[in-house]
PDB file of N, CA and C in Angstrom:
ATOM      1  N   UNK A   1     -11.305 -22.982  -7.858  1.00  0.00           N
ATOM      2  CA  UNK A   1     -10.299 -21.961  -7.708  1.00  0.00           C
ATOM      3  C   UNK A   1      -9.850 -21.952  -6.245  1.00  0.00           C
ATOM      4  N   UNK A   2      -8.570 -21.870  -6.030  1.00  0.00           N
ATOM      5  CA  UNK A   2      -8.027 -21.844  -4.682  1.00  0.00           C
ATOM      6  C   UNK A   2      -8.402 -20.535  -3.996  1.00  0.00           C
ATOM      7  N   UNK A   3      -8.488 -20.600  -2.674  1.00  0.00           N
ATOM      8  CA  UNK A   3      -8.859 -19.405  -1.903  1.00  0.00           C
ATOM      9  C   UNK A   3      -7.885 -18.261  -2.157  1.00  0.00           C
ATOM     10  N   UNK A   4      -6.593 -18.577  -2.229  1.00  0.00           N
ATOM     11  CA  UNK A   4      -5.580 -17.554  -2.467  1.00  0.00           C
ATOM     12  C   UNK A   4      -5.774 -16.881  -3.827  1.00  0.00           C
ATOM     13  N   UNK A   5      -6.112 -17.662  -4.852  1.00  0.00           N
ATOM     14  CA  UNK A   5      -6.364 -17.102  -6.184  1.00  0.00           C
ATOM     15  C   UNK A   5      -7.582 -16.178  -6.165  1.00  0.00           C
ATOM     16  N   UNK A   6      -8.616 -16.592  -5.457  1.00  0.00           N
ATOM     17  CA  UNK A   6      -9.824 -15.770  -5.356  1.00  0.00           C
ATOM     18  C   UNK A   6      -9.521 -14.453  -4.640  1.00  0.00           C
ATOM     19  N   UNK A   7      -8.723 -14.512  -3.594  1.00  0.00           N
ATOM     20  CA  UNK A   7      -8.345 -13.297  -2.864  1.00  0.00           C
ATOM     21  C   UNK A   7      -7.520 -12.371  -3.757  1.00  0.00           C
ATOM     22  N   UNK A   8      -6.598 -12.942  -4.526  1.00  0.00           N
ATOM     23  CA  UNK A   8      -5.780 -12.137  -5.439  1.00  0.00           C
ATOM     24  C   UNK A   8      -6.635 -11.470  -6.506  1.00  0.00           C
ATOM     25  N   UNK A   9      -7.590 -12.221  -7.050  1.00  0.00           N
ATOM     26  CA  UNK A   9      -8.499 -11.646  -8.048  1.00  0.00           C
ATOM     27  C   UNK A   9      -9.332 -10.520  -7.455  1.00  0.00           C
ATOM     28  N   UNK A  10      -9.813 -10.720  -6.239  1.00  0.00           N
ATOM     29  CA  UNK A  10     -10.618  -9.702  -5.578  1.00  0.00           C
ATOM     30  C   UNK A  10      -9.770  -8.451  -5.317  1.00  0.00           C
ATOM     31  N   UNK A  11      -8.547  -8.636  -4.828  1.00  0.00           N
ATOM     32  CA  UNK A  11      -7.661  -7.494  -4.574  1.00  0.00           C
ATOM     33  C   UNK A  11      -7.392  -6.728  -5.867  1.00  0.00           C
ATOM     34  N   UNK A  12      -7.186  -7.442  -6.957  1.00  0.00           N
ATOM     35  CA  UNK A  12      -6.930  -6.802  -8.252  1.00  0.00           C
ATOM     36  C   UNK A  12      -8.147  -6.006  -8.718  1.00  0.00           C
ATOM     37  N   UNK A  13      -9.327  -6.609  -8.591  1.00  0.00           N
ATOM     38  CA  UNK A  13     -10.563  -5.928  -9.006  1.00  0.00           C
ATOM     39  C   UNK A  13     -10.811  -4.681  -8.165  1.00  0.00           C
ATOM     40  N   UNK A  14     -10.682  -4.803  -6.863  1.00  0.00           N
ATOM     41  CA  UNK A  14     -10.939  -3.665  -5.974  1.00  0.00           C
ATOM     42  C   UNK A  14      -9.893  -2.569  -6.195  1.00  0.00           C
ATOM     43  N   UNK A  15      -8.636  -2.949  -6.401  1.00  0.00           N
ATOM     44  CA  UNK A  15      -7.593  -1.956  -6.672  1.00  0.00           C
ATOM     45  C   UNK A  15      -7.897  -1.187  -7.951  1.00  0.00           C
ATOM     46  N   UNK A  16      -8.407  -1.884  -8.968  1.00  0.00           N
ATOM     47  CA  UNK A  16      -8.769  -1.222 -10.224  1.00  0.00           C
ATOM     48  C   UNK A  16      -9.915  -0.234 -10.006  1.00  0.00           C
ATOM     49  N   UNK A  17     -10.949  -0.677  -9.296  1.00  0.00           N
ATOM     50  CA  UNK A  17     -12.102   0.197  -9.015  1.00  0.00           C
ATOM     51  C   UNK A  17     -11.688   1.388  -8.155  1.00  0.00           C
ATOM     52  N   UNK A  18     -10.934   1.117  -7.112  1.00  0.00           N
ATOM     53  CA  UNK A  18     -10.485   2.175  -6.210  1.00  0.00           C
ATOM     54  C   UNK A  18      -9.573   3.152  -6.942  1.00  0.00           C
ATOM     55  N   UNK A  19      -8.680   2.598  -7.767  1.00  0.00           N
ATOM     56  CA  UNK A  19      -7.754   3.442  -8.520  1.00  0.00           C
ATOM     57  C   UNK A  19      -8.462   4.427  -9.429  1.00  0.00           C
ATOM     58  N   UNK A  20      -9.510   3.988 -10.094  1.00  0.00           N
ATOM     59  CA  UNK A  20     -10.275   4.889 -10.970  1.00  0.00           C
ATOM     60  C   UNK A  20     -10.861   6.055 -10.170  1.00  0.00           C
ATOM     61  N   UNK A  21     -11.437   5.739  -9.026  1.00  0.00           N
ATOM     62  CA  UNK A  21     -12.039   6.788  -8.193  1.00  0.00           C
ATOM     63  C   UNK A  21     -10.971   7.728  -7.627  1.00  0.00           C
ATOM     64  N   UNK A  22      -9.849   7.182  -7.193  1.00  0.00           N
ATOM     65  CA  UNK A  22      -8.782   8.010  -6.629  1.00  0.00           C
ATOM     66  C   UNK A  22      -8.207   8.968  -7.674  1.00  0.00           C
ATOM     67  N   UNK A  23      -8.042   8.470  -8.885  1.00  0.00           N
ATOM     68  CA  UNK A  23      -7.499   9.312  -9.952  1.00  0.00           C
ATOM     69  C   UNK A  23      -8.453  10.454 -10.294  1.00  0.00           C
ATOM     70  N   UNK A  24      -9.759  10.163 -10.324  1.00  0.00           N
ATOM     71  CA  UNK A  24     -10.742  11.231 -10.574  1.00  0.00           C
ATOM     72  C   UNK A  24     -10.668  12.294  -9.482  1.00  0.00           C
ATOM     73  N   UNK A  25     -10.617  11.863  -8.235  1.00  0.00           N
ATOM     74  CA  UNK A  25     -10.553  12.810  -7.119  1.00  0.00           C
ATOM     75  C   UNK A  25      -9.263  13.622  -7.169  1.00  0.00           C
ATOM     76  N   UNK A  26      -8.156  12.976  -7.487  1.00  0.00           N
ATOM     77  CA  UNK A  26      -6.874  13.672  -7.559  1.00  0.00           C
ATOM     78  C   UNK A  26      -6.869  14.704  -8.689  1.00  0.00           C
ATOM     79  N   UNK A  27      -7.488  14.370  -9.828  1.00  0.00           N
ATOM     80  CA  UNK A  27      -7.547  15.329 -10.946  1.00  0.00           C
ATOM     81  C   UNK A  27      -8.364  16.560 -10.585  1.00  0.00           C
ATOM     82  N   UNK A  28      -9.414  16.358  -9.802  1.00  0.00           N
ATOM     83  CA  UNK A  28     -10.206  17.515  -9.361  1.00  0.00           C
ATOM     84  C   UNK A  28      -9.383  18.426  -8.461  1.00  0.00           C
ATOM     85  N   UNK A  29      -8.498  17.849  -7.671  1.00  0.00           N
ATOM     86  CA  UNK A  29      -7.689  18.632  -6.740  1.00  0.00           C
ATOM     87  C   UNK A  29      -6.499  19.283  -7.435  1.00  0.00           C
ATOM     88  N   UNK A  30      -5.777  18.495  -8.250  1.00  0.00           N
ATOM     89  CA  UNK A  30      -4.507  18.963  -8.793  1.00  0.00           C
ATOM     90  C   UNK A  30      -4.511  19.197 -10.302  1.00  0.00           C
ATOM     91  N   UNK A  31      -5.587  19.029 -10.983  1.00  0.00           N
ATOM     92  CA  UNK A  31      -5.747  19.229 -12.419  1.00  0.00           C
ATOM     93  C   UNK A  31      -4.666  18.569 -13.288  1.00  0.00           C
ATOM     94  N   UNK A  32      -3.404  18.863 -13.076  1.00  0.00           N
ATOM     95  CA  UNK A  32      -2.336  18.324 -13.936  1.00  0.00           C
ATOM     96  C   UNK A  32      -1.599  17.151 -13.292  1.00  0.00           C
ATOM     97  N   UNK A  33      -2.259  16.445 -12.428  1.00  0.00           N
ATOM     98  CA  UNK A  33      -1.628  15.336 -11.706  1.00  0.00           C
ATOM     99  C   UNK A  33      -1.280  14.172 -12.630  1.00  0.00           C
ATOM    100  N   UNK A  34      -0.127  13.576 -12.387  1.00  0.00           N
ATOM    101  CA  UNK A  34       0.262  12.342 -13.062  1.00  0.00           C
ATOM    102  C   UNK A  34       0.165  11.233 -12.031  1.00  0.00           C
ATOM    103  N   UNK A  35      -0.339  10.091 -12.453  1.00  0.00           N
ATOM    104  CA  UNK A  35      -0.524   8.987 -11.510  1.00  0.00           C
ATOM    105  C   UNK A  35       0.128   7.711 -12.030  1.00  0.00           C
ATOM    106  N   UNK A  36       0.453   6.851 -11.085  1.00  0.00           N
ATOM    107  CA  UNK A  36       0.949   5.514 -11.398  1.00  0.00           C
ATOM    108  C   UNK A  36       0.530   4.616 -10.242  1.00  0.00           C
ATOM    109  N   UNK A  37       0.495   3.329 -10.504  1.00  0.00           N
ATOM    110  CA  UNK A  37       0.157   2.395  -9.431  1.00  0.00           C
ATOM    111  C   UNK A  37       0.850   1.077  -9.659  1.00  0.00           C
ATOM    112  N   UNK A  38       1.002   0.335  -8.576  1.00  0.00           N
ATOM    113  CA  UNK A  38       1.596  -0.993  -8.682  1.00  0.00           C
ATOM    114  C   UNK A  38       1.292  -1.795  -7.425  1.00  0.00           C
ATOM    115  N   UNK A  39       1.449  -3.080  -7.571  1.00  0.00           N
ATOM    116  CA  UNK A  39       1.304  -4.002  -6.468  1.00  0.00           C
ATOM    117  C   UNK A  39       2.665  -4.090  -5.791  1.00  0.00           C
ATOM    118  N   UNK A  40       2.710  -3.915  -4.499  1.00  0.00           N
ATOM    119  CA  UNK A  40       3.993  -3.905  -3.798  1.00  0.00           C
ATOM    120  C   UNK A  40       3.894  -4.756  -2.535  1.00  0.00           C
ATOM    121  N   UNK A  41       4.258  -6.000  -2.644  1.00  0.00           N
ATOM    122  CA  UNK A  41       4.203  -6.895  -1.485  1.00  0.00           C
ATOM    123  C   UNK A  41       2.785  -7.052  -0.961  1.00  0.00           C
ATOM    124  N   UNK A  42       2.577  -6.804   0.326  1.00  0.00           N
ATOM    125  CA  UNK A  42       1.256  -7.011   0.919  1.00  0.00           C
ATOM    126  C   UNK A  42       0.317  -5.811   0.766  1.00  0.00           C
ATOM    127  N   UNK A  43       0.634  -4.904  -0.150  1.00  0.00           N
ATOM    128  CA  UNK A  43      -0.211  -3.719  -0.323  1.00  0.00           C
ATOM    129  C   UNK A  43      -0.137  -3.207  -1.755  1.00  0.00           C
ATOM    130  N   UNK A  44      -1.077  -2.349  -2.083  1.00  0.00           N
ATOM    131  CA  UNK A  44      -1.134  -1.714  -3.397  1.00  0.00           C
ATOM    132  C   UNK A  44      -0.771  -0.241  -3.184  1.00  0.00           C
ATOM    133  N   UNK A  45      -0.031   0.324  -4.113  1.00  0.00           N
ATOM    134  CA  UNK A  45       0.409   1.710  -3.952  1.00  0.00           C
ATOM    135  C   UNK A  45       0.027   2.538  -5.174  1.00  0.00           C
ATOM    136  N   UNK A  46      -0.443   3.759  -4.903  1.00  0.00           N
ATOM    137  CA  UNK A  46      -0.714   4.748  -5.938  1.00  0.00           C
ATOM    138  C   UNK A  46       0.249   5.903  -5.724  1.00  0.00           C
ATOM    139  N   UNK A  47       0.848   6.381  -6.831  1.00  0.00           N
ATOM    140  CA  UNK A  47       1.744   7.540  -6.779  1.00  0.00           C
ATOM    141  C   UNK A  47       1.049   8.689  -7.490  1.00  0.00           C
ATOM    142  N   UNK A  48       1.075   9.835  -6.867  1.00  0.00           N
ATOM    143  CA  UNK A  48       0.486  11.049  -7.428  1.00  0.00           C
ATOM    144  C   UNK A  48       1.577  12.102  -7.520  1.00  0.00           C
ATOM    145  N   UNK A  49       1.707  12.705  -8.689  1.00  0.00           N
ATOM    146  CA  UNK A  49       2.676  13.790  -8.871  1.00  0.00           C
ATOM    147  C   UNK A  49       1.898  15.008  -9.351  1.00  0.00           C
ATOM    148  N   UNK A  50       1.556  15.905  -8.414  1.00  0.00           N
ATOM    149  CA  UNK A  50       0.779  17.085  -8.793  1.00  0.00           C
ATOM    150  C   UNK A  50       1.645  18.140  -9.483  1.00  0.00           C
ATOM    151  N   UNK A  51       1.336  18.444 -10.731  1.00  0.00           N
ATOM    152  CA  UNK A  51       2.060  19.467 -11.477  1.00  0.00           C
ATOM    153  C   UNK A  51       3.441  19.006 -11.904  1.00  0.00           C
ATOM    154  N   UNK A  52       4.068  19.772 -12.791  1.00  0.00           N
ATOM    155  CA  UNK A  52       5.374  19.377 -13.334  1.00  0.00           C
ATOM    156  C   UNK A  52       6.491  19.394 -12.291  1.00  0.00           C
ATOM    157  N   UNK A  53       6.396  20.249 -11.307  1.00  0.00           N
ATOM    158  CA  UNK A  53       7.450  20.355 -10.291  1.00  0.00           C
ATOM    159  C   UNK A  53       7.002  19.833  -8.935  1.00  0.00           C
ATOM    160  N   UNK A  54       5.884  19.124  -8.910  1.00  0.00           N
ATOM    161  CA  UNK A  54       5.342  18.631  -7.648  1.00  0.00           C
ATOM    162  C   UNK A  54       6.129  17.478  -7.061  1.00  0.00           C
ATOM    163  N   UNK A  55       6.035  17.345  -5.768  1.00  0.00           N
ATOM    164  CA  UNK A  55       6.662  16.246  -5.048  1.00  0.00           C
ATOM    165  C   UNK A  55       5.762  15.015  -5.148  1.00  0.00           C
ATOM    166  N   UNK A  56       6.357  13.866  -5.343  1.00  0.00           N
ATOM    167  CA  UNK A  56       5.571  12.627  -5.388  1.00  0.00           C
ATOM    168  C   UNK A  56       4.858  12.408  -4.064  1.00  0.00           C
ATOM    169  N   UNK A  57       3.607  11.966  -4.156  1.00  0.00           N
ATOM    170  CA  UNK A  57       2.773  11.628  -2.998  1.00  0.00           C
ATOM    171  C   UNK A  57       2.339  10.189  -3.167  1.00  0.00           C
ATOM    172  N   UNK A  58       2.254   9.443  -2.073  1.00  0.00           N
ATOM    173  CA  UNK A  58       1.944   8.024  -2.152  1.00  0.00           C
ATOM    174  C   UNK A  58       0.789   7.658  -1.229  1.00  0.00           C
ATOM    175  N   UNK A  59      -0.071   6.774  -1.726  1.00  0.00           N
ATOM    176  CA  UNK A  59      -1.147   6.201  -0.936  1.00  0.00           C
ATOM    177  C   UNK A  59      -1.035   4.688  -1.036  1.00  0.00           C
ATOM    178  N   UNK A  60      -0.850   4.052   0.105  1.00  0.00           N
ATOM    179  CA  UNK A  60      -0.777   2.597   0.189  1.00  0.00           C
ATOM    180  C   UNK A  60      -2.072   2.080   0.794  1.00  0.00           C
ATOM    181  N   UNK A  61      -2.585   0.986   0.246  1.00  0.00           N
ATOM    182  CA  UNK A  61      -3.746   0.296   0.807  1.00  0.00           C
ATOM    183  C   UNK A  61      -3.368  -1.167   0.935  1.00  0.00           C
ATOM    184  N   UNK A  62      -3.504  -1.709   2.131  1.00  0.00           N
ATOM    185  CA  UNK A  62      -3.116  -3.104   2.353  1.00  0.00           C
ATOM    186  C   UNK A  62      -4.037  -4.041   1.584  1.00  0.00           C
ATOM    187  N   UNK A  63      -3.492  -5.179   1.170  1.00  0.00           N
ATOM    188  CA  UNK A  63      -4.313  -6.185   0.479  1.00  0.00           C
ATOM    189  C   UNK A  63      -5.419  -6.683   1.391  1.00  0.00           C
ATOM    190  N   UNK A  64      -5.148  -6.730   2.673  1.00  0.00           N
ATOM    191  CA  UNK A  64      -6.169  -7.142   3.628  1.00  0.00           C
ATOM    192  C   UNK A  64      -7.365  -6.194   3.570  1.00  0.00           C
ATOM    193  N   UNK A  65      -7.103  -4.890   3.467  1.00  0.00           N
ATOM    194  CA  UNK A  65      -8.190  -3.914   3.351  1.00  0.00           C
ATOM    195  C   UNK A  65      -8.918  -4.078   2.015  1.00  0.00           C
ATOM    196  N   UNK A  66      -8.168  -4.386   0.959  1.00  0.00           N
ATOM    197  CA  UNK A  66      -8.764  -4.542  -0.370  1.00  0.00           C
ATOM    198  C   UNK A  66      -9.680  -5.756  -0.471  1.00  0.00           C
ATOM    199  N   UNK A  67      -9.510  -6.722   0.412  1.00  0.00           N
ATOM    200  CA  UNK A  67     -10.275  -7.957   0.295  1.00  0.00           C
ATOM    201  C   UNK A  67     -11.255  -8.191   1.442  1.00  0.00           C
ATOM    202  N   UNK A  68     -11.441  -7.208   2.317  1.00  0.00           N
ATOM    203  CA  UNK A  68     -12.338  -7.367   3.453  1.00  0.00           C
ATOM    204  C   UNK A  68     -13.760  -6.970   3.081  1.00  0.00           C
ATOM    205  N   UNK A  69     -14.705  -7.861   3.320  1.00  0.00           N
ATOM    206  CA  UNK A  69     -16.111  -7.575   3.058  1.00  0.00           C
ATOM    207  C   UNK A  69     -16.540  -7.984   1.664  1.00  0.00           C
ATOM    208  N   UNK A  70     -17.842  -7.876   1.428  1.00  0.00           N
ATOM    209  CA  UNK A  70     -18.424  -8.254   0.138  1.00  0.00           C
ATOM    210  C   UNK A  70     -18.075  -7.267  -0.973  1.00  0.00           C
ATOM    211  N   UNK A  71     -18.225  -5.976  -0.692  1.00  0.00           N
ATOM    212  CA  UNK A  71     -17.972  -4.924  -1.682  1.00  0.00           C
ATOM    213  C   UNK A  71     -17.114  -3.843  -1.022  1.00  0.00           C
ATOM    214  N   UNK A  72     -15.793  -4.045  -0.949  1.00  0.00           N
ATOM    215  CA  UNK A  72     -14.939  -3.145  -0.184  1.00  0.00           C
ATOM    216  C   UNK A  72     -14.710  -1.765  -0.792  1.00  0.00           C
ATOM    217  N   UNK A  73     -14.907  -1.603  -2.083  1.00  0.00           N
ATOM    218  CA  UNK A  73     -14.571  -0.319  -2.714  1.00  0.00           C
ATOM    219  C   UNK A  73     -15.285   0.873  -2.069  1.00  0.00           C
ATOM    220  N   UNK A  74     -16.617   0.870  -1.928  1.00  0.00           N
ATOM    221  CA  UNK A  74     -17.263   2.028  -1.313  1.00  0.00           C
ATOM    222  C   UNK A  74     -16.846   2.242   0.142  1.00  0.00           C
ATOM    223  N   UNK A  75     -16.567   1.157   0.846  1.00  0.00           N
ATOM    224  CA  UNK A  75     -16.123   1.272   2.236  1.00  0.00           C
ATOM    225  C   UNK A  75     -14.757   1.950   2.289  1.00  0.00           C
ATOM    226  N   UNK A  76     -13.847   1.522   1.423  1.00  0.00           N
ATOM    227  CA  UNK A  76     -12.510   2.110   1.385  1.00  0.00           C
ATOM    228  C   UNK A  76     -12.567   3.584   0.993  1.00  0.00           C
ATOM    229  N   UNK A  77     -13.399   3.916   0.022  1.00  0.00           N
ATOM    230  CA  UNK A  77     -13.535   5.321  -0.386  1.00  0.00           C
ATOM    231  C   UNK A  77     -14.049   6.177   0.765  1.00  0.00           C
ATOM    232  N   UNK A  78     -14.987   5.644   1.523  1.00  0.00           N
ATOM    233  CA  UNK A  78     -15.518   6.383   2.673  1.00  0.00           C
ATOM    234  C   UNK A  78     -14.454   6.546   3.756  1.00  0.00           C
ATOM    235  N   UNK A  79     -13.669   5.516   3.987  1.00  0.00           N
ATOM    236  CA  UNK A  79     -12.593   5.606   4.973  1.00  0.00           C
ATOM    237  C   UNK A  79     -11.548   6.638   4.557  1.00  0.00           C
ATOM    238  N   UNK A  80     -11.216   6.660   3.281  1.00  0.00           N
ATOM    239  CA  UNK A  80     -10.260   7.646   2.779  1.00  0.00           C
ATOM    240  C   UNK A  80     -10.819   9.065   2.905  1.00  0.00           C
ATOM    241  N   UNK A  81     -12.095   9.214   2.584  1.00  0.00           N
ATOM    242  CA  UNK A  81     -12.748  10.517   2.714  1.00  0.00           C
ATOM    243  C   UNK A  81     -12.733  10.974   4.172  1.00  0.00           C
ATOM    244  N   UNK A  82     -13.094  10.082   5.079  1.00  0.00           N
ATOM    245  CA  UNK A  82     -13.110  10.419   6.508  1.00  0.00           C
ATOM    246  C   UNK A  82     -11.708  10.769   7.003  1.00  0.00           C
ATOM    247  N   UNK A  83     -10.684  10.119   6.431  1.00  0.00           N
ATOM    248  CA  UNK A  83      -9.304  10.398   6.813  1.00  0.00           C
ATOM    249  C   UNK A  83      -8.702  11.605   6.111  1.00  0.00           C
ATOM    250  N   UNK A  84      -9.518  12.254   5.241  1.00  0.00           N
ATOM    251  CA  UNK A  84      -9.090  13.453   4.504  1.00  0.00           C
ATOM    252  C   UNK A  84      -7.778  13.207   3.729  1.00  0.00           C
ATOM    253  N   UNK A  85      -7.737  12.115   2.978  1.00  0.00           N
ATOM    254  CA  UNK A  85      -6.513  11.712   2.296  1.00  0.00           C
ATOM    255  C   UNK A  85      -5.970  12.776   1.357  1.00  0.00           C
ATOM    256  N   UNK A  86      -6.829  13.420   0.590  1.00  0.00           N
ATOM    257  CA  UNK A  86      -6.343  14.437  -0.356  1.00  0.00           C
ATOM    258  C   UNK A  86      -5.841  15.683   0.363  1.00  0.00           C
ATOM    259  N   UNK A  87      -6.550  16.123   1.379  1.00  0.00           N
ATOM    260  CA  UNK A  87      -6.094  17.287   2.151  1.00  0.00           C
ATOM    261  C   UNK A  87      -4.731  17.014   2.767  1.00  0.00           C
ATOM    262  N   UNK A  88      -4.574  15.818   3.301  1.00  0.00           N
ATOM    263  CA  UNK A  88      -3.307  15.468   3.948  1.00  0.00           C
ATOM    264  C   UNK A  88      -2.169  15.351   2.949  1.00  0.00           C
ATOM    265  N   UNK A  89      -2.428  14.731   1.785  1.00  0.00           N
ATOM    266  CA  UNK A  89      -1.370  14.621   0.776  1.00  0.00           C
ATOM    267  C   UNK A  89      -1.085  15.961   0.108  1.00  0.00           C
ATOM    268  N   UNK A  90      -2.035  16.873   0.161  1.00  0.00           N
ATOM    269  CA  UNK A  90      -1.829  18.207  -0.395  1.00  0.00           C
ATOM    270  C   UNK A  90      -1.048  19.088   0.589  1.00  0.00           C
ATOM    271  N   UNK A  91      -0.887  18.612   1.810  1.00  0.00           N
ATOM    272  CA  UNK A  91      -0.161  19.344   2.842  1.00  0.00           C
ATOM    273  C   UNK A  91       1.243  18.804   3.016  1.00  0.00           C
ATOM    274  N   UNK A  92       1.637  18.668   4.262  1.00  0.00           N
ATOM    275  CA  UNK A  92       3.007  18.272   4.584  1.00  0.00           C
ATOM    276  C   UNK A  92       3.255  16.774   4.449  1.00  0.00           C
ATOM    277  N   UNK A  93       2.207  15.953   4.532  1.00  0.00           N
ATOM    278  CA  UNK A  93       2.395  14.510   4.472  1.00  0.00           C
ATOM    279  C   UNK A  93       2.575  14.058   3.020  1.00  0.00           C
ATOM    280  N   UNK A  94       3.504  13.152   2.810  1.00  0.00           N
ATOM    281  CA  UNK A  94       3.749  12.678   1.449  1.00  0.00           C
ATOM    282  C   UNK A  94       3.387  11.209   1.257  1.00  0.00           C
ATOM    283  N   UNK A  95       3.182  10.476   2.348  1.00  0.00           N
ATOM    284  CA  UNK A  95       2.869   9.059   2.247  1.00  0.00           C
ATOM    285  C   UNK A  95       1.840   8.678   3.309  1.00  0.00           C
ATOM    286  N   UNK A  96       0.754   8.034   2.861  1.00  0.00           N
ATOM    287  CA  UNK A  96      -0.288   7.568   3.770  1.00  0.00           C
ATOM    288  C   UNK A  96      -0.528   6.085   3.536  1.00  0.00           C
ATOM    289  N   UNK A  97      -0.925   5.391   4.606  1.00  0.00           N
ATOM    290  CA  UNK A  97      -1.236   3.964   4.530  1.00  0.00           C
ATOM    291  C   UNK A  97      -2.623   3.730   5.117  1.00  0.00           C
ATOM    292  N   UNK A  98      -3.484   3.098   4.327  1.00  0.00           N
ATOM    293  CA  UNK A  98      -4.813   2.710   4.794  1.00  0.00           C
ATOM    294  C   UNK A  98      -4.783   1.219   5.106  1.00  0.00           C
ATOM    295  N   UNK A  99      -5.101   0.900   6.348  1.00  0.00           N
ATOM    296  CA  UNK A  99      -5.065  -0.509   6.771  1.00  0.00           C
ATOM    297  C   UNK A  99      -6.468  -1.094   6.853  1.00  0.00           C
ATOM    298  N   UNK A 100      -6.547  -2.377   7.154  1.00  0.00           N
ATOM    299  CA  UNK A 100      -7.802  -3.112   7.186  1.00  0.00           C
ATOM    300  C   UNK A 100      -8.852  -2.455   8.090  1.00  0.00           C
ATOM    301  N   UNK A 101      -8.469  -1.957   9.224  1.00  0.00           N
ATOM    302  CA  UNK A 101      -9.412  -1.366  10.161  1.00  0.00           C
ATOM    303  C   UNK A 101      -9.902   0.018   9.769  1.00  0.00           C
ATOM    304  N   UNK A 102      -9.448   0.540   8.650  1.00  0.00           N
ATOM    305  CA  UNK A 102      -9.874   1.858   8.192  1.00  0.00           C
ATOM    306  C   UNK A 102      -9.012   2.977   8.705  1.00  0.00           C
ATOM    307  N   UNK A 103      -7.926   2.630   9.345  1.00  0.00           N
ATOM    308  CA  UNK A 103      -7.005   3.630   9.887  1.00  0.00           C
ATOM    309  C   UNK A 103      -6.123   4.170   8.771  1.00  0.00           C
ATOM    310  N   UNK A 104      -6.106   5.485   8.631  1.00  0.00           N
ATOM    311  CA  UNK A 104      -5.265   6.142   7.624  1.00  0.00           C
ATOM    312  C   UNK A 104      -4.143   6.851   8.361  1.00  0.00           C
ATOM    313  N   UNK A 105      -2.945   6.335   8.226  1.00  0.00           N
ATOM    314  CA  UNK A 105      -1.799   6.821   8.977  1.00  0.00           C
ATOM    315  C   UNK A 105      -0.688   7.298   8.055  1.00  0.00           C
ATOM    316  N   UNK A 106       0.084   8.268   8.534  1.00  0.00           N
ATOM    317  CA  UNK A 106       1.267   8.698   7.808  1.00  0.00           C
ATOM    318  C   UNK A 106       2.324   7.601   7.910  1.00  0.00           C
ATOM    319  N   UNK A 107       3.071   7.415   6.853  1.00  0.00           N
ATOM    320  CA  UNK A 107       4.119   6.382   6.872  1.00  0.00           C
ATOM    321  C   UNK A 107       5.479   7.025   7.050  1.00  0.00           C
TER     322      UNK A 107
END
């Protein structure tokens, strides 16, 4: 298998694992949240719509972050927790980007 194929498979697997955890956390916060996700260029994006009249909120994670290390999912979850991703998306920020270094920034 080519290195690029292996990286793509790893990014897909980690995005699936991360997505499950993010959706659970979002449901605890917003109860009636609707979610969607997709691969978008060099990053993966999750959309959260809290409640029927809620504003869309977005979380982007770079593919580089998704493929760094042996088991990136717990590391990424910890970085998101440390960056208070849900508190920030529940406030004034509507879009956050998590990069390889663990930096969670508003977009």
